[in-house]
C-alpha atoms as a PDB file:
ATOM      1  CA  UNK A   1      33.002  -7.271  29.574  1.00  0.00           C
ATOM      2  CA  UNK A   2      33.704  -5.727  26.120  1.00  0.00           C
ATOM      3  CA  UNK A   3      31.908  -6.822  22.777  1.00  0.00           C
ATOM      4  CA  UNK A   4      34.042  -8.807  20.599  1.00  0.00           C
ATOM      5  CA  UNK A   5      31.727  -8.779  17.536  1.00  0.00           C
ATOM      6  CA  UNK A   6      31.452  -5.680  15.382  1.00  0.00           C
ATOM      7  CA  UNK A   7      29.431  -4.900  12.544  1.00  0.00           C
ATOM      8  CA  UNK A   8      31.490  -2.587  10.300  1.00  0.00           C
ATOM      9  CA  UNK A   9      31.163  -1.299   6.770  1.00  0.00           C
ATOM     10  CA  UNK A  10      33.879  -2.654   4.165  1.00  0.00           C
ATOM     11  CA  UNK A  11      34.784  -0.981   1.033  1.00  0.00           C
ATOM     12  CA  UNK A  12      32.607  -2.611  -1.814  1.00  0.00           C
ATOM     13  CA  UNK A  13      32.737  -0.447  -5.225  1.00  0.00           C
ATOM     14  CA  UNK A  14      29.745  -1.138  -7.727  1.00  0.00           C
ATOM     15  CA  UNK A  15      27.395   0.337  -9.900  1.00  0.00           C
ATOM     16  CA  UNK A  16      23.820   0.407  -8.493  1.00  0.00           C
ATOM     17  CA  UNK A  17      20.157   1.091  -9.158  1.00  0.00           C
ATOM     18  CA  UNK A  18      18.139   2.611  -6.498  1.00  0.00           C
ATOM     19  CA  UNK A  19      14.261   2.004  -7.008  1.00  0.00           C
ATOM     20  CA  UNK A  20      12.160   4.307  -4.958  1.00  0.00           C
ATOM     21  CA  UNK A  21       9.102   2.344  -3.957  1.00  0.00           C
ATOM     22  CA  UNK A  22       6.574   5.334  -3.552  1.00  0.00           C
ATOM     23  CA  UNK A  23       6.901   6.493  -7.647  1.00  0.00           C
ATOM     24  CA  UNK A  24       8.906   3.426  -8.986  1.00  0.00           C
ATOM     25  CA  UNK A  25      11.667   6.127  -9.645  1.00  0.00           C
ATOM     26  CA  UNK A  26      15.238   4.828 -10.724  1.00  0.00           C
ATOM     27  CA  UNK A  27      18.541   6.439  -9.485  1.00  0.00           C
ATOM     28  CA  UNK A  28      21.972   5.275 -10.441  1.00  0.00           C
ATOM     29  CA  UNK A  29      24.767   5.653  -8.089  1.00  0.00           C
ATOM     30  CA  UNK A  30      28.025   3.819  -7.064  1.00  0.00           C
ATOM     31  CA  UNK A  31      28.161   1.774  -3.903  1.00  0.00           C
ATOM     32  CA  UNK A  32      30.832   3.120  -1.666  1.00  0.00           C
ATOM     33  CA  UNK A  33      30.767   0.651   1.083  1.00  0.00           C
ATOM     34  CA  UNK A  34      28.797  -2.239   2.537  1.00  0.00           C
ATOM     35  CA  UNK A  35      27.649  -4.026   5.939  1.00  0.00           C
ATOM     36  CA  UNK A  36      25.098  -6.567   6.439  1.00  0.00           C
ATOM     37  CA  UNK A  37      22.979  -3.783   7.929  1.00  0.00           C
ATOM     38  CA  UNK A  38      23.045  -1.285   5.207  1.00  0.00           C
ATOM     39  CA  UNK A  39      25.156   0.271   2.151  1.00  0.00           C
ATOM     40  CA  UNK A  40      26.487   3.779   1.291  1.00  0.00           C
ATOM     41  CA  UNK A  41      25.753   4.754  -2.468  1.00  0.00           C
ATOM     42  CA  UNK A  42      27.323   8.054  -4.065  1.00  0.00           C
ATOM     43  CA  UNK A  43      24.818   9.654  -6.542  1.00  0.00           C
ATOM     44  CA  UNK A  44      25.303  13.074  -8.433  1.00  0.00           C
ATOM     45  CA  UNK A  45      24.218  16.303  -6.112  1.00  0.00           C
ATOM     46  CA  UNK A  46      21.469  16.966  -8.239  1.00  0.00           C
ATOM     47  CA  UNK A  47      19.564  14.106  -7.669  1.00  0.00           C
ATOM     48  CA  UNK A  48      16.283  14.622  -5.624  1.00  0.00           C
ATOM     49  CA  UNK A  49      16.389  14.077  -2.128  1.00  0.00           C
ATOM     50  CA  UNK A  50      15.217  10.226  -1.055  1.00  0.00           C
ATOM     51  CA  UNK A  51      15.476  10.637   2.452  1.00  0.00           C
ATOM     52  CA  UNK A  52      13.284   8.518   4.671  1.00  0.00           C
ATOM     53  CA  UNK A  53      11.992   6.855   1.459  1.00  0.00           C
ATOM     54  CA  UNK A  54      12.266   3.141   1.207  1.00  0.00           C
ATOM     55  CA  UNK A  55      14.025   1.889  -1.628  1.00  0.00           C
ATOM     56  CA  UNK A  56      14.960  -1.297  -3.358  1.00  0.00           C
ATOM     57  CA  UNK A  57      18.809  -1.108  -4.271  1.00  0.00           C
ATOM     58  CA  UNK A  58      20.385  -3.389  -7.002  1.00  0.00           C
ATOM     59  CA  UNK A  59      24.317  -3.842  -7.149  1.00  0.00           C
ATOM     60  CA  UNK A  60      26.237  -6.489  -8.918  1.00  0.00           C
ATOM     61  CA  UNK A  61      24.858  -9.814  -6.913  1.00  0.00           C
ATOM     62  CA  UNK A  62      23.316  -7.713  -3.990  1.00  0.00           C
ATOM     63  CA  UNK A  63      19.628  -6.904  -3.501  1.00  0.00           C
ATOM     64  CA  UNK A  64      18.517  -4.962  -0.470  1.00  0.00           C
ATOM     65  CA  UNK A  65      15.153  -3.613   0.609  1.00  0.00           C
ATOM     66  CA  UNK A  66      16.265  -0.437   2.786  1.00  0.00           C
ATOM     67  CA  UNK A  67      15.663   2.713   4.253  1.00  0.00           C
ATOM     68  CA  UNK A  68      17.252   5.761   3.309  1.00  0.00           C
ATOM     69  CA  UNK A  69      18.346   7.486   6.785  1.00  0.00           C
ATOM     70  CA  UNK A  70      20.696  10.015   5.731  1.00  0.00           C
ATOM     71  CA  UNK A  71      22.102  12.258   2.708  1.00  0.00           C
ATOM     72  CA  UNK A  72      25.305  13.862   2.984  1.00  0.00           C
ATOM     73  CA  UNK A  73      26.771  16.676   0.262  1.00  0.00           C
ATOM     74  CA  UNK A  74      30.392  15.893  -0.866  1.00  0.00           C
ATOM     75  CA  UNK A  75      33.171  18.475  -1.593  1.00  0.00           C
ATOM     76  CA  UNK A  76      33.406  16.864  -4.940  1.00  0.00           C
ATOM     77  CA  UNK A  77      29.602  17.550  -6.217  1.00  0.00           C
ATOM     78  CA  UNK A  78      28.105  14.416  -5.320  1.00  0.00           C
ATOM     79  CA  UNK A  79      25.952  13.311  -2.371  1.00  0.00           C
ATOM     80  CA  UNK A  80      26.263  10.392  -0.276  1.00  0.00           C
ATOM     81  CA  UNK A  81      23.093   8.256   0.650  1.00  0.00           C
ATOM     82  CA  UNK A  82      23.329   6.231   3.704  1.00  0.00           C
ATOM     83  CA  UNK A  83      20.784   2.861   3.558  1.00  0.00           C
ATOM     84  CA  UNK A  84      19.476   0.765   6.533  1.00  0.00           C
ATOM     85  CA  UNK A  85      18.561  -2.576   5.464  1.00  0.00           C
ATOM     86  CA  UNK A  86      14.870  -3.555   6.015  1.00  0.00           C
ATOM     87  CA  UNK A  87      13.220  -7.063   6.006  1.00  0.00           C
ATOM     88  CA  UNK A  88      11.802  -8.132   2.671  1.00  0.00           C
ATOM     89  CA  UNK A  89       7.956  -8.363   3.075  1.00  0.00           C
ATOM     90  CA  UNK A  90       5.670 -10.517   0.905  1.00  0.00           C
ATOM     91  CA  UNK A  91       4.475  -7.592  -0.995  1.00  0.00           C
ATOM     92  CA  UNK A  92       8.147  -6.524  -1.804  1.00  0.00           C
ATOM     93  CA  UNK A  93       9.208  -9.914  -2.852  1.00  0.00           C
ATOM     94  CA  UNK A  94       6.001 -10.399  -4.714  1.00  0.00           C
ATOM     95  CA  UNK A  95       6.593  -7.100  -6.670  1.00  0.00           C
ATOM     96  CA  UNK A  96      10.242  -8.050  -7.417  1.00  0.00           C
ATOM     97  CA  UNK A  97       9.222 -11.653  -8.726  1.00  0.00           C
ATOM     98  CA  UNK A  98       6.623 -10.204 -10.822  1.00  0.00           C
ATOM     99  CA  UNK A  99       9.176  -7.586 -12.589  1.00  0.00           C
ATOM    100  CA  UNK A 100      12.534  -9.864 -12.817  1.00  0.00           C
ATOM    101  CA  UNK A 101      11.318 -10.850 -16.238  1.00  0.00           C
ATOM    102  CA  UNK A 102      10.469  -7.402 -17.245  1.00  0.00           C
ATOM    103  CA  UNK A 103      11.868  -6.514 -20.594  1.00  0.00           C
ATOM    104  CA  UNK A 104      12.808  -2.951 -19.789  1.00  0.00           C
ATOM    105  CA  UNK A 105       9.437  -2.022 -21.572  1.00  0.00           C
ATOM    106  CA  UNK A 106       7.578   0.872 -19.991  1.00  0.00           C
ATOM    107  CA  UNK A 107       3.739  -0.272 -18.579  1.00  0.00           C
END
């Protein structure tokens, strides 16, 4: 029997901010496509590797907690970062709620 359902990525272009949970580093990029299970983001090629890190990404109205599962250098001098979605943990949600009202000042 052939599977009739399929989860595919769709083109979705938006500015994004990736926050690396380990050190709260922010990386700015452009979303290329999305699916319910992941996002592909384009960043400059001089962006430090975040492969196998867990991150939070915000793009337009989307917020995703994810693992970085691949990085691929592109011919145009950018890097494609592939993200797989993770379920939000209570700890991550608490962090988000505590920092939503943050006015951007450094702690």
